[in-house]
Amino acid sequence: MSTNTATLNNFHPRAPKRKLENYADIINCKRPHAKKPMSKEARAAQFAPYAALVGHKDVINADEANANSKNDIDHNIIVEYD
């Protein structure tokens, strides 16, 4: 069974049109600020798991290029079966 939830019953190709009047109550409000802002170290720690992915694509491309440059097949080998 597919985990895709976009079916003919719930797929909406166009988002509903929103008007500026819908946001009149918040349009001129000030942006909220935290009473105790998070330290830069703590904020960076939230994104640490994503740091493992940095350079991943480069490693894959290098391995692929290395594999494509090798020619390990010896066409002169003859296999005899009993």
Protein backbone atom coordinates (compact mmCIF):
# COMPACT_ATOMS: atom_id res chain seq x y z
CA MET A 1 0.00 0.00 0.00
CA SER A 2 1.32 3.42 -0.88
CA THR A 3 1.96 6.03 1.77
CA ASN A 4 1.10 8.81 -0.67
CA THR A 5 -1.90 10.69 0.70
CA ALA A 6 -2.60 12.69 -2.46
CA THR A 7 -5.57 10.90 -3.95
CA LEU A 8 -8.34 12.10 -6.19
CA ASN A 9 -10.45 12.74 -3.09
CA ASN A 10 -8.09 15.10 -1.26
CA PHE A 11 -5.84 16.60 -3.94
CA HIS A 12 -6.39 20.31 -4.51
CA PRO A 13 -4.28 21.68 -7.39
CA ARG A 14 -4.95 25.31 -6.51
CA ALA A 15 -4.64 26.85 -3.09
CA PRO A 16 -7.56 29.02 -2.03
CA LYS A 17 -7.13 32.71 -2.78
CA ARG A 18 -6.43 34.74 0.33
CA LYS A 19 -7.04 38.44 0.62
CA LEU A 20 -5.17 41.05 2.62
CA GLU A 21 -8.35 41.76 4.58
CA ASN A 22 -8.10 38.25 6.07
CA TYR A 23 -4.97 39.39 7.94
CA ALA A 24 -6.13 42.86 8.98
CA ASP A 25 -6.05 41.95 12.68
CA ILE A 26 -2.36 40.99 12.63
CA ILE A 27 -0.91 43.02 9.75
CA ASN A 28 0.52 45.81 11.95
CA CYS A 29 1.41 43.75 15.03
CA LYS A 30 4.96 43.66 16.29
CA ARG A 31 6.89 40.44 15.92
CA PRO A 32 7.04 38.48 19.18
CA HIS A 33 10.44 38.06 20.83
CA ALA A 34 11.47 35.33 23.25
CA LYS A 35 11.96 36.38 26.86
CA LYS A 36 15.07 34.18 27.10
CA PRO A 37 16.61 33.92 23.63
CA MET A 38 18.36 30.66 22.80
CA SER A 39 22.14 30.76 22.74
CA LYS A 40 23.90 30.39 19.40
CA GLU A 41 25.43 27.10 20.56
CA ALA A 42 22.04 25.64 21.52
CA ARG A 43 20.48 26.81 18.26
CA ALA A 44 23.35 25.31 16.24
CA ALA A 45 22.92 22.01 18.12
CA GLN A 46 19.39 21.71 16.74
CA PHE A 47 20.78 21.54 13.22
CA ALA A 48 23.77 19.29 14.00
CA PRO A 49 22.12 16.11 12.62
CA TYR A 50 21.93 17.74 9.19
CA ALA A 51 25.67 18.45 9.21
CA ALA A 52 26.28 14.75 8.53
CA LEU A 53 24.75 15.19 5.09
CA VAL A 54 27.17 17.92 4.05
CA GLY A 55 29.43 16.54 1.34
CA HIS A 56 27.45 13.30 1.02
CA LYS A 57 26.63 13.92 -2.64
CA ASP A 58 30.29 14.68 -3.40
CA VAL A 59 31.36 11.34 -1.90
CA ILE A 60 28.75 9.47 -3.95
CA ASN A 61 29.81 11.22 -7.16
CA ALA A 62 33.49 10.46 -6.47
CA ASP A 63 32.73 6.78 -5.83
CA GLU A 64 30.65 6.59 -9.00
CA ALA A 65 33.39 8.21 -11.08
CA ASN A 66 35.93 5.81 -9.57
CA ALA A 67 33.73 2.80 -10.35
CA ASN A 68 33.13 3.96 -13.92
CA SER A 69 36.84 4.44 -14.56
CA LYS A 70 37.69 0.87 -13.56
CA ASN A 71 37.56 -1.93 -16.08
CA ASP A 72 37.74 -5.09 -14.00
CA ILE A 73 36.34 -7.41 -16.63
CA ASP A 74 38.85 -9.71 -18.26
CA HIS A 75 37.32 -10.71 -21.57
CA ASN A 76 40.00 -13.38 -22.12
CA ILE A 77 38.80 -15.67 -19.31
CA ILE A 78 37.05 -18.81 -20.50
CA VAL A 79 34.89 -20.64 -18.00
CA GLU A 80 34.55 -24.38 -18.46
CA TYR A 81 31.67 -26.22 -16.87
CA ASP A 82 31.66 -29.95 -16.12
